[in-house]
Amino acid sequence: MSSKNSEGTDLEVASPCRRQCCLDDQDVCLGCGRALAEILEWGTADRARKRAICLAADARLQRHSGGP
């Protein structure tokens, strides 16, 4: 039996990639919101880091789209 906590930290974090890759002047992808360094880091990042990258990317997308 697997032990899973309420945050799901033992589950793999899905890539936020939307296959709409286009970097802006600050090397941030307009499709997923990740910085180029985060995209390059993704393959070796642990789950906690991947979650942090996803949160930061989502915040960037919200700011870019004028969302809350």
PDB file of N, CA and C in Angstrom:
ATOM      1  N   MET A   1       0.840  -1.176   0.000  1.00  0.00           N
ATOM      2  CA  MET A   1       0.000   0.000   0.000  1.00  0.00           C
ATOM      3  C   MET A   1       0.886   1.241   0.000  1.00  0.00           C
ATOM      4  N   SER A   2       0.529   2.191  -0.824  1.00  0.00           N
ATOM      5  CA  SER A   2       1.284   3.425  -0.951  1.00  0.00           C
ATOM      6  C   SER A   2       0.761   4.464   0.039  1.00  0.00           C
ATOM      7  N   SER A   3       1.680   5.209   0.637  1.00  0.00           N
ATOM      8  CA  SER A   3       1.245   6.287   1.535  1.00  0.00           C
ATOM      9  C   SER A   3       1.276   7.595   0.767  1.00  0.00           C
ATOM     10  N   LYS A   4       0.118   8.230   0.689  1.00  0.00           N
ATOM     11  CA  LYS A   4       0.007   9.499  -0.037  1.00  0.00           C
ATOM     12  C   LYS A   4      -0.464  10.555   0.928  1.00  0.00           C
ATOM     13  N   ASN A   5       0.212  11.688   0.927  1.00  0.00           N
ATOM     14  CA  ASN A   5      -0.231  12.756   1.805  1.00  0.00           C
ATOM     15  C   ASN A   5      -1.244  13.631   1.083  1.00  0.00           C
ATOM     16  N   SER A   6      -1.821  14.570   1.792  1.00  0.00           N
ATOM     17  CA  SER A   6      -2.899  15.381   1.244  1.00  0.00           C
ATOM     18  C   SER A   6      -2.464  16.275   0.092  1.00  0.00           C
ATOM     19  N   GLU A   7      -1.167  16.569  -0.013  1.00  0.00           N
ATOM     20  CA  GLU A   7      -0.687  17.428  -1.097  1.00  0.00           C
ATOM     21  C   GLU A   7      -0.307  16.634  -2.328  1.00  0.00           C
ATOM     22  N   GLY A   8      -0.339  15.308  -2.259  1.00  0.00           N
ATOM     23  CA  GLY A   8       0.013  14.491  -3.397  1.00  0.00           C
ATOM     24  C   GLY A   8       1.476  14.584  -3.761  1.00  0.00           C
ATOM     25  N   THR A   9       2.346  14.768  -2.792  1.00  0.00           N
ATOM     26  CA  THR A   9       3.755  14.980  -3.079  1.00  0.00           C
ATOM     27  C   THR A   9       4.444  13.740  -3.620  1.00  0.00           C
ATOM     28  N   ASP A  10       3.793  12.579  -3.544  1.00  0.00           N
ATOM     29  CA  ASP A  10       4.421  11.389  -4.091  1.00  0.00           C
ATOM     30  C   ASP A  10       3.993  11.137  -5.535  1.00  0.00           C
ATOM     31  N   LEU A  11       3.163  12.000  -6.094  1.00  0.00           N
ATOM     32  CA  LEU A  11       2.721  11.873  -7.474  1.00  0.00           C
ATOM     33  C   LEU A  11       3.624  12.697  -8.388  1.00  0.00           C
ATOM     34  N   GLU A  12       3.840  12.189  -9.588  1.00  0.00           N
ATOM     35  CA  GLU A  12       4.656  12.909 -10.554  1.00  0.00           C
ATOM     36  C   GLU A  12       3.937  14.196 -10.974  1.00  0.00           C
ATOM     37  N   VAL A  13       4.695  15.233 -11.206  1.00  0.00           N
ATOM     38  CA  VAL A  13       4.147  16.525 -11.608  1.00  0.00           C
ATOM     39  C   VAL A  13       4.179  16.590 -13.131  1.00  0.00           C
ATOM     40  N   ALA A  14       3.021  16.819 -13.739  1.00  0.00           N
ATOM     41  CA  ALA A  14       2.934  16.896 -15.199  1.00  0.00           C
ATOM     42  C   ALA A  14       3.559  18.190 -15.703  1.00  0.00           C
ATOM     43  N   SER A  15       4.211  18.103 -16.830  1.00  0.00           N
ATOM     44  CA  SER A  15       4.801  19.283 -17.443  1.00  0.00           C
ATOM     45  C   SER A  15       3.697  20.263 -17.844  1.00  0.00           C
ATOM     46  N   PRO A  16       3.924  21.555 -17.615  1.00  0.00           N
ATOM     47  CA  PRO A  16       2.928  22.547 -18.022  1.00  0.00           C
ATOM     48  C   PRO A  16       3.005  22.887 -19.515  1.00  0.00           C
ATOM     49  N   CYS A  17       3.906  22.241 -20.235  1.00  0.00           N
ATOM     50  CA  CYS A  17       4.091  22.549 -21.655  1.00  0.00           C
ATOM     51  C   CYS A  17       2.782  22.387 -22.416  1.00  0.00           C
ATOM     52  N   ARG A  18       2.466  23.385 -23.242  1.00  0.00           N
ATOM     53  CA  ARG A  18       1.241  23.377 -24.050  1.00  0.00           C
ATOM     54  C   ARG A  18       1.552  23.236 -25.536  1.00  0.00           C
ATOM     55  N   ARG A  19       2.821  23.013 -25.848  1.00  0.00           N
ATOM     56  CA  ARG A  19       3.278  22.892 -27.231  1.00  0.00           C
ATOM     57  C   ARG A  19       2.974  24.158 -28.039  1.00  0.00           C
ATOM     58  N   GLN A  20       3.040  25.289 -27.346  1.00  0.00           N
ATOM     59  CA  GLN A  20       2.871  26.597 -27.985  1.00  0.00           C
ATOM     60  C   GLN A  20       4.105  27.434 -27.649  1.00  0.00           C
ATOM     61  N   CYS A  21       5.259  26.861 -27.893  1.00  0.00           N
ATOM     62  CA  CYS A  21       6.517  27.455 -27.453  1.00  0.00           C
ATOM     63  C   CYS A  21       6.889  28.691 -28.271  1.00  0.00           C
ATOM     64  N   CYS A  22       7.093  29.769 -27.547  1.00  0.00           N
ATOM     65  CA  CYS A  22       7.571  31.022 -28.132  1.00  0.00           C
ATOM     66  C   CYS A  22       8.117  31.851 -26.971  1.00  0.00           C
ATOM     67  N   LEU A  23       9.395  32.157 -27.007  1.00  0.00           N
ATOM     68  CA  LEU A  23      10.014  32.912 -25.925  1.00  0.00           C
ATOM     69  C   LEU A  23       9.898  34.409 -26.165  1.00  0.00           C
ATOM     70  N   ASP A  24       9.594  35.143 -25.089  1.00  0.00           N
ATOM     71  CA  ASP A  24       9.553  36.597 -25.185  1.00  0.00           C
ATOM     72  C   ASP A  24      10.949  37.171 -24.971  1.00  0.00           C
ATOM     73  N   ASP A  25      11.056  38.483 -24.838  1.00  0.00           N
ATOM     74  CA  ASP A  25      12.358  39.140 -24.685  1.00  0.00           C
ATOM     75  C   ASP A  25      13.076  38.785 -23.388  1.00  0.00           C
ATOM     76  N   GLN A  26      12.330  38.292 -22.403  1.00  0.00           N
ATOM     77  CA  GLN A  26      12.922  37.881 -21.117  1.00  0.00           C
ATOM     78  C   GLN A  26      13.132  36.372 -21.056  1.00  0.00           C
ATOM     79  N   ASP A  27      13.067  35.681 -22.190  1.00  0.00           N
ATOM     80  CA  ASP A  27      13.211  34.224 -22.282  1.00  0.00           C
ATOM     81  C   ASP A  27      12.174  33.487 -21.447  1.00  0.00           C
ATOM     82  N   VAL A  28      10.938  33.977 -21.494  1.00  0.00           N
ATOM     83  CA  VAL A  28       9.808  33.305 -20.848  1.00  0.00           C
ATOM     84  C   VAL A  28       8.894  32.794 -21.953  1.00  0.00           C
ATOM     85  N   CYS A  29       8.503  31.525 -21.847  1.00  0.00           N
ATOM     86  CA  CYS A  29       7.641  30.919 -22.850  1.00  0.00           C
ATOM     87  C   CYS A  29       6.237  31.503 -22.752  1.00  0.00           C
ATOM     88  N   LEU A  30       5.710  31.973 -23.863  1.00  0.00           N
ATOM     89  CA  LEU A  30       4.369  32.539 -23.895  1.00  0.00           C
ATOM     90  C   LEU A  30       3.297  31.453 -23.835  1.00  0.00           C
ATOM     91  N   GLY A  31       3.675  30.207 -24.076  1.00  0.00           N
ATOM     92  CA  GLY A  31       2.723  29.102 -24.017  1.00  0.00           C
ATOM     93  C   GLY A  31       2.491  28.596 -22.609  1.00  0.00           C
ATOM     94  N   CYS A  32       3.587  28.323 -21.881  1.00  0.00           N
ATOM     95  CA  CYS A  32       3.447  27.718 -20.546  1.00  0.00           C
ATOM     96  C   CYS A  32       3.838  28.638 -19.401  1.00  0.00           C
ATOM     97  N   GLY A  33       4.539  29.728 -19.696  1.00  0.00           N
ATOM     98  CA  GLY A  33       4.925  30.671 -18.659  1.00  0.00           C
ATOM     99  C   GLY A  33       6.244  30.376 -17.967  1.00  0.00           C
ATOM    100  N   ARG A  34       6.901  29.276 -18.345  1.00  0.00           N
ATOM    101  CA  ARG A  34       8.186  28.966 -17.713  1.00  0.00           C
ATOM    102  C   ARG A  34       9.316  29.775 -18.336  1.00  0.00           C
ATOM    103  N   ALA A  35      10.274  30.120 -17.492  1.00  0.00           N
ATOM    104  CA  ALA A  35      11.496  30.756 -17.976  1.00  0.00           C
ATOM    105  C   ALA A  35      12.342  29.686 -18.666  1.00  0.00           C
ATOM    106  N   LEU A  36      13.183  30.106 -19.584  1.00  0.00           N
ATOM    107  CA  LEU A  36      14.026  29.153 -20.310  1.00  0.00           C
ATOM    108  C   LEU A  36      14.828  28.280 -19.346  1.00  0.00           C
ATOM    109  N   ALA A  37      15.370  28.876 -18.298  1.00  0.00           N
ATOM    110  CA  ALA A  37      16.146  28.106 -17.324  1.00  0.00           C
ATOM    111  C   ALA A  37      15.286  27.030 -16.658  1.00  0.00           C
ATOM    112  N   GLU A  38      14.021  27.340 -16.407  1.00  0.00           N
ATOM    113  CA  GLU A  38      13.112  26.362 -15.791  1.00  0.00           C
ATOM    114  C   GLU A  38      12.780  25.232 -16.760  1.00  0.00           C
ATOM    115  N   ILE A  39      12.633  25.571 -18.026  1.00  0.00           N
ATOM    116  CA  ILE A  39      12.377  24.547 -19.050  1.00  0.00           C
ATOM    117  C   ILE A  39      13.555  23.586 -19.109  1.00  0.00           C
ATOM    118  N   LEU A  40      14.757  24.134 -19.112  1.00  0.00           N
ATOM    119  CA  LEU A  40      15.959  23.311 -19.178  1.00  0.00           C
ATOM    120  C   LEU A  40      16.145  22.472 -17.911  1.00  0.00           C
ATOM    121  N   GLU A  41      15.729  22.994 -16.785  1.00  0.00           N
ATOM    122  CA  GLU A  41      15.874  22.320 -15.491  1.00  0.00           C
ATOM    123  C   GLU A  41      14.836  21.209 -15.289  1.00  0.00           C
ATOM    124  N   TRP A  42      13.732  21.268 -15.989  1.00  0.00           N
ATOM    125  CA  TRP A  42      12.577  20.405 -15.729  1.00  0.00           C
ATOM    126  C   TRP A  42      12.941  18.913 -15.638  1.00  0.00           C
ATOM    127  N   GLY A  43      13.733  18.422 -16.537  1.00  0.00           N
ATOM    128  CA  GLY A  43      14.059  16.993 -16.582  1.00  0.00           C
ATOM    129  C   GLY A  43      14.787  16.471 -15.361  1.00  0.00           C
ATOM    130  N   THR A  44      15.508  17.331 -14.673  1.00  0.00           N
ATOM    131  CA  THR A  44      16.269  16.886 -13.499  1.00  0.00           C
ATOM    132  C   THR A  44      15.683  17.400 -12.183  1.00  0.00           C
ATOM    133  N   ALA A  45      14.651  18.212 -12.261  1.00  0.00           N
ATOM    134  CA  ALA A  45      14.049  18.787 -11.047  1.00  0.00           C
ATOM    135  C   ALA A  45      13.279  17.726 -10.263  1.00  0.00           C
ATOM    136  N   ASP A  46      13.304  17.845  -8.929  1.00  0.00           N
ATOM    137  CA  ASP A  46      12.497  16.945  -8.115  1.00  0.00           C
ATOM    138  C   ASP A  46      11.056  17.445  -8.086  1.00  0.00           C
ATOM    139  N   ARG A  47      10.163  16.669  -7.484  1.00  0.00           N
ATOM    140  CA  ARG A  47       8.734  17.018  -7.503  1.00  0.00           C
ATOM    141  C   ARG A  47       8.452  18.374  -6.865  1.00  0.00           C
ATOM    142  N   ALA A  48       9.116  18.656  -5.754  1.00  0.00           N
ATOM    143  CA  ALA A  48       8.891  19.938  -5.077  1.00  0.00           C
ATOM    144  C   ALA A  48       9.297  21.099  -5.986  1.00  0.00           C
ATOM    145  N   ARG A  49      10.426  20.959  -6.654  1.00  0.00           N
ATOM    146  CA  ARG A  49      10.893  22.019  -7.557  1.00  0.00           C
ATOM    147  C   ARG A  49       9.946  22.165  -8.749  1.00  0.00           C
ATOM    148  N   LYS A  50       9.461  21.042  -9.279  1.00  0.00           N
ATOM    149  CA  LYS A  50       8.522  21.097 -10.397  1.00  0.00           C
ATOM    150  C   LYS A  50       7.236  21.820  -9.992  1.00  0.00           C
ATOM    151  N   ARG A  51       6.760  21.552  -8.789  1.00  0.00           N
ATOM    152  CA  ARG A  51       5.563  22.255  -8.322  1.00  0.00           C
ATOM    153  C   ARG A  51       5.831  23.756  -8.211  1.00  0.00           C
ATOM    154  N   ALA A  52       7.015  24.121  -7.706  1.00  0.00           N
ATOM    155  CA  ALA A  52       7.381  25.535  -7.588  1.00  0.00           C
ATOM    156  C   ALA A  52       7.473  26.189  -8.971  1.00  0.00           C
ATOM    157  N   ILE A  53       8.036  25.474  -9.927  1.00  0.00           N
ATOM    158  CA  ILE A  53       8.133  25.991 -11.295  1.00  0.00           C
ATOM    159  C   ILE A  53       6.735  26.214 -11.861  1.00  0.00           C
ATOM    160  N   CYS A  54       5.831  25.254 -11.648  1.00  0.00           N
ATOM    161  CA  CYS A  54       4.465  25.374 -12.160  1.00  0.00           C
ATOM    162  C   CYS A  54       3.746  26.570 -11.548  1.00  0.00           C
ATOM    163  N   LEU A  55       3.923  26.774 -10.257  1.00  0.00           N
ATOM    164  CA  LEU A  55       3.281  27.923  -9.598  1.00  0.00           C
ATOM    165  C   LEU A  55       3.806  29.241 -10.148  1.00  0.00           C
ATOM    166  N   ALA A  56       5.127  29.328 -10.313  1.00  0.00           N
ATOM    167  CA  ALA A  56       5.730  30.552 -10.844  1.00  0.00           C
ATOM    168  C   ALA A  56       5.294  30.788 -12.289  1.00  0.00           C
ATOM    169  N   ALA A  57       5.242  29.719 -13.080  1.00  0.00           N
ATOM    170  CA  ALA A  57       4.833  29.838 -14.475  1.00  0.00           C
ATOM    171  C   ALA A  57       3.383  30.295 -14.576  1.00  0.00           C
ATOM    172  N   ASP A  58       2.522  29.725 -13.733  1.00  0.00           N
ATOM    173  CA  ASP A  58       1.115  30.120 -13.738  1.00  0.00           C
ATOM    174  C   ASP A  58       0.963  31.597 -13.369  1.00  0.00           C
ATOM    175  N   ALA A  59       1.721  32.038 -12.380  1.00  0.00           N
ATOM    176  CA  ALA A  59       1.669  33.447 -11.977  1.00  0.00           C
ATOM    177  C   ALA A  59       2.110  34.346 -13.126  1.00  0.00           C
ATOM    178  N   ARG A  60       3.147  33.942 -13.854  1.00  0.00           N
ATOM    179  CA  ARG A  60       3.610  34.738 -15.000  1.00  0.00           C
ATOM    180  C   ARG A  60       2.529  34.822 -16.069  1.00  0.00           C
ATOM    181  N   LEU A  61       1.865  33.696 -16.348  1.00  0.00           N
ATOM    182  CA  LEU A  61       0.799  33.696 -17.348  1.00  0.00           C
ATOM    183  C   LEU A  61      -0.347  34.592 -16.925  1.00  0.00           C
ATOM    184  N   GLN A  62      -0.684  34.558 -15.632  1.00  0.00           N
ATOM    185  CA  GLN A  62      -1.766  35.413 -15.127  1.00  0.00           C
ATOM    186  C   GLN A  62      -1.409  36.881 -15.308  1.00  0.00           C
ATOM    187  N   ARG A  63      -0.167  37.252 -14.977  1.00  0.00           N
ATOM    188  CA  ARG A  63       0.265  38.645 -15.132  1.00  0.00           C
ATOM    189  C   ARG A  63       0.253  39.055 -16.609  1.00  0.00           C
ATOM    190  N   HIS A  64       0.709  38.142 -17.466  1.00  0.00           N
ATOM    191  CA  HIS A  64       0.790  38.441 -18.901  1.00  0.00           C
ATOM    192  C   HIS A  64      -0.598  38.627 -19.497  1.00  0.00           C
ATOM    193  N   SER A  65      -1.561  37.824 -19.039  1.00  0.00           N
ATOM    194  CA  SER A  65      -2.906  37.908 -19.605  1.00  0.00           C
ATOM    195  C   SER A  65      -3.775  38.946 -18.915  1.00  0.00           C
ATOM    196  N   GLY A  66      -3.215  39.584 -17.876  1.00  0.00           N
ATOM    197  CA  GLY A  66      -3.975  40.591 -17.156  1.00  0.00           C
ATOM    198  C   GLY A  66      -4.976  39.997 -16.185  1.00  0.00           C
ATOM    199  N   GLY A  67      -4.782  38.714 -15.847  1.00  0.00           N
ATOM    200  CA  GLY A  67      -5.688  38.036 -14.920  1.00  0.00           C
ATOM    201  C   GLY A  67      -5.439  38.447 -13.494  1.00  0.00           C
ATOM    202  N   PRO A  68      -6.220  37.832 -12.560  1.00  0.00           N
ATOM    203  CA  PRO A  68      -6.111  38.196 -11.133  1.00  0.00           C
ATOM    204  C   PRO A  68      -4.767  37.906 -10.536  1.00  0.00           C
TER     205      PRO A  68
END
